[in-house]
Protein backbone atom coordinates (compact mmCIF):
# COMPACT_ATOMS: atom_id res chain seq x y z
CA UNK A 1 -51.87 -21.30 -19.15
CA UNK A 2 -48.37 -21.31 -17.63
CA UNK A 3 -48.78 -17.80 -16.27
CA UNK A 4 -52.03 -18.75 -14.60
CA UNK A 5 -50.38 -21.79 -13.01
CA UNK A 6 -47.52 -19.64 -11.74
CA UNK A 7 -49.90 -17.08 -10.28
CA UNK A 8 -51.93 -19.88 -8.64
CA UNK A 9 -48.71 -21.26 -7.08
CA UNK A 10 -47.68 -17.77 -6.03
CA UNK A 11 -51.00 -17.27 -4.21
CA UNK A 12 -50.87 -20.75 -2.64
CA UNK A 13 -47.20 -20.47 -1.59
CA UNK A 14 -47.27 -16.77 -0.68
CA UNK A 15 -46.33 -17.24 3.01
CA UNK A 16 -43.39 -19.49 2.14
CA UNK A 17 -42.18 -16.98 -0.48
CA UNK A 18 -42.54 -14.16 2.06
CA UNK A 19 -40.44 -16.14 4.55
CA UNK A 20 -37.76 -16.68 1.89
CA UNK A 21 -37.62 -12.95 1.15
CA UNK A 22 -37.74 -11.97 4.83
CA UNK A 23 -34.78 -14.23 5.56
CA UNK A 24 -32.71 -12.20 3.11
CA UNK A 25 -34.15 -8.74 3.74
CA UNK A 26 -35.04 -8.92 7.43
CA UNK A 27 -38.20 -6.86 6.92
CA UNK A 28 -41.74 -8.03 6.13
CA UNK A 29 -42.73 -4.87 4.24
CA UNK A 30 -39.80 -5.16 1.87
CA UNK A 31 -40.45 -8.91 1.53
CA UNK A 32 -44.05 -8.09 0.51
CA UNK A 33 -42.66 -5.75 -2.16
CA UNK A 34 -40.42 -8.53 -3.47
CA UNK A 35 -43.29 -11.03 -3.69
CA UNK A 36 -45.38 -8.41 -5.46
CA UNK A 37 -42.52 -7.79 -7.90
CA UNK A 38 -42.37 -11.54 -8.51
CA UNK A 39 -46.09 -11.56 -9.32
CA UNK A 40 -45.61 -8.67 -11.76
CA UNK A 41 -42.76 -10.54 -13.44
CA UNK A 42 -44.95 -13.61 -13.82
CA UNK A 43 -47.59 -11.49 -15.53
CA UNK A 44 -45.35 -9.39 -17.74
CA UNK A 45 -42.31 -11.49 -18.60
CA UNK A 46 -42.07 -12.66 -22.18
CA UNK A 47 -39.50 -15.26 -21.15
CA UNK A 48 -42.18 -17.37 -19.46
CA UNK A 49 -43.71 -19.38 -22.21
CA UNK A 50 -42.93 -23.08 -22.00
CA UNK A 51 -44.18 -25.41 -19.31
CA UNK A 52 -42.12 -25.10 -16.15
CA UNK A 53 -41.25 -28.42 -14.52
CA UNK A 54 -41.28 -27.06 -10.96
CA UNK A 55 -43.35 -23.89 -10.60
CA UNK A 56 -42.68 -23.79 -6.85
CA UNK A 57 -38.90 -23.91 -7.35
CA UNK A 58 -39.12 -21.40 -10.17
CA UNK A 59 -41.05 -18.92 -7.98
CA UNK A 60 -38.68 -19.43 -5.05
CA UNK A 61 -35.74 -18.67 -7.37
CA UNK A 62 -37.42 -15.51 -8.68
CA UNK A 63 -38.20 -14.30 -5.14
CA UNK A 64 -34.69 -15.13 -3.91
CA UNK A 65 -33.03 -13.28 -6.81
CA UNK A 66 -35.30 -10.26 -6.40
CA UNK A 67 -34.68 -10.16 -2.64
CA UNK A 68 -30.91 -10.31 -3.22
CA UNK A 69 -31.19 -7.49 -5.76
CA UNK A 70 -33.15 -5.37 -3.25
CA UNK A 71 -30.58 -6.14 -0.55
CA UNK A 72 -27.65 -5.18 -2.81
CA UNK A 73 -29.38 -1.95 -3.80
CA UNK A 74 -30.08 -1.15 -0.14
CA UNK A 75 -26.42 -1.70 0.81
CA UNK A 76 -25.08 0.36 -2.08
CA UNK A 77 -27.44 3.23 -1.24
CA UNK A 78 -26.19 3.19 2.35
CA UNK A 79 -22.55 3.28 1.28
CA UNK A 80 -22.94 6.02 -1.34
CA UNK A 81 -23.38 9.46 0.24
CA UNK A 82 -26.55 11.18 -0.87
CA UNK A 83 -25.13 14.68 -0.62
CA UNK A 84 -21.57 15.44 -1.59
CA UNK A 85 -19.89 17.87 0.74
CA UNK A 86 -17.17 20.19 -0.60
CA UNK A 87 -14.90 18.92 2.15
CA UNK A 88 -15.32 15.34 0.91
CA UNK A 89 -14.39 16.37 -2.61
CA UNK A 90 -11.26 18.22 -1.51
CA UNK A 91 -7.99 16.42 -0.94
CA UNK A 92 -7.08 19.10 1.63
CA UNK A 93 -8.15 18.77 5.27
CA UNK A 94 -10.68 21.26 6.59
CA UNK A 95 -9.50 24.39 8.40
CA UNK A 96 -10.75 22.92 11.67
CA UNK A 97 -8.79 19.71 11.10
CA UNK A 98 -5.66 21.70 10.20
CA UNK A 99 -5.97 23.67 13.44
CA UNK A 100 -6.41 20.50 15.51
CA UNK A 101 -3.38 18.90 13.85
CA UNK A 102 -1.29 22.02 14.40
CA UNK A 103 -2.24 22.09 18.09
CA UNK A 104 -1.40 18.39 18.46
CA UNK A 105 1.97 19.01 16.81
CA UNK A 106 2.71 21.85 19.25
CA UNK A 107 1.83 19.53 22.18
CA UNK A 108 4.09 16.81 20.70
CA UNK A 109 6.99 19.25 20.34
CA UNK A 110 6.48 20.41 23.94
CA UNK A 111 6.43 16.78 25.05
CA UNK A 112 9.69 16.04 23.20
CA UNK A 113 11.37 19.01 24.86
CA UNK A 114 10.19 17.82 28.29
CA UNK A 115 11.61 14.28 27.81
CA UNK A 116 14.94 13.30 29.35
CA UNK A 117 17.69 13.62 26.72
CA UNK A 118 18.48 9.89 26.62
CA UNK A 119 14.82 8.89 26.07
CA UNK A 120 14.36 11.53 23.37
CA UNK A 121 17.55 10.41 21.60
CA UNK A 122 16.60 6.71 21.75
CA UNK A 123 13.12 7.44 20.36
CA UNK A 124 14.48 9.67 17.58
CA UNK A 125 17.18 7.16 16.69
CA UNK A 126 14.67 4.36 16.34
CA UNK A 127 11.68 6.19 14.82
CA UNK A 128 13.27 8.93 12.76
CA UNK A 129 16.73 7.66 11.88
CA UNK A 130 15.43 4.07 11.63
CA UNK A 131 18.26 2.56 13.65
CA UNK A 132 17.75 -0.95 14.93
CA UNK A 133 17.15 -1.50 18.62
CA UNK A 134 20.29 -3.68 18.74
CA UNK A 135 22.48 -0.82 17.46
CA UNK A 136 20.95 1.64 19.92
CA UNK A 137 21.40 -0.88 22.75
CA UNK A 138 25.12 -1.31 21.88
CA UNK A 139 25.64 2.45 21.84
CA UNK A 140 24.03 2.93 25.28
CA UNK A 141 25.33 -0.32 26.81
CA UNK A 142 21.81 -1.62 27.43
CA UNK A 143 19.93 -4.74 26.30
CA UNK A 144 17.67 -4.62 23.26
CA UNK A 145 14.74 -5.52 25.52
CA UNK A 146 15.48 -2.48 27.71
CA UNK A 147 15.63 -0.23 24.62
CA UNK A 148 12.29 -1.67 23.50
CA UNK A 149 10.83 -0.83 26.93
CA UNK A 150 12.21 2.72 26.84
CA UNK A 151 10.74 3.27 23.36
CA UNK A 152 7.32 1.93 24.41
CA UNK A 153 7.31 4.00 27.62
CA UNK A 154 8.42 7.17 25.81
CA UNK A 155 5.80 6.74 23.08
CA UNK A 156 3.09 6.23 25.70
CA UNK A 157 4.19 9.41 27.52
CA UNK A 158 4.16 11.40 24.29
CA UNK A 159 0.76 10.01 23.28
CA UNK A 160 -0.65 11.06 26.66
CA UNK A 161 0.95 14.46 26.22
CA UNK A 162 -0.59 14.94 22.75
CA UNK A 163 -4.02 13.73 23.91
CA UNK A 164 -4.03 15.89 27.05
CA UNK A 165 -6.18 19.03 27.04
CA UNK A 166 -3.51 20.84 29.05
CA UNK A 167 -0.07 19.71 27.93
CA UNK A 168 1.77 20.66 31.12
CA UNK A 169 0.21 17.87 33.27
CA UNK A 170 0.70 14.74 31.17
CA UNK A 171 4.52 14.48 31.11
CA UNK A 172 4.84 15.55 34.74
CA UNK A 173 2.47 12.75 35.77
CA UNK A 174 4.41 10.26 33.66
CA UNK A 175 7.71 11.42 35.17
CA UNK A 176 6.47 10.86 38.74
CA UNK A 177 5.90 7.11 38.15
């Protein structure tokens, strides 16, 4: 008798249950599937045996849980790649990526050579030798704020140089400012 009552409530409250599922899933077709799954559970579950105090609440809980399960499954399927590419399995970058990185490194080296000696030394002291800006400022007789500005300006010039399609134009444009 309990199963029949649940199915009667499911039929009577179908639109409300669909709205509950649609709120979670955002799609009426998938919400219909969830409500249909709920009906199948009401018919086939051995756990439903005793009288249920609130059939409406019970059905809403079943639909909500099923909708959340569908949503989780949908998200995990989106995150997990369906086809594994050899490149994804390798811890080595692709040949194309290696070539791009090598070219960027060549442009960076060209940019470093084109920098004024003081700017190149300040940048190397701070970024490579990890000297503090205060120590560099003392050595050059400048303020720490000025050293910070030189580092930021030099990094921006080098970044433009690396990103440029033709490396010869980027530093020259930066030097004219």
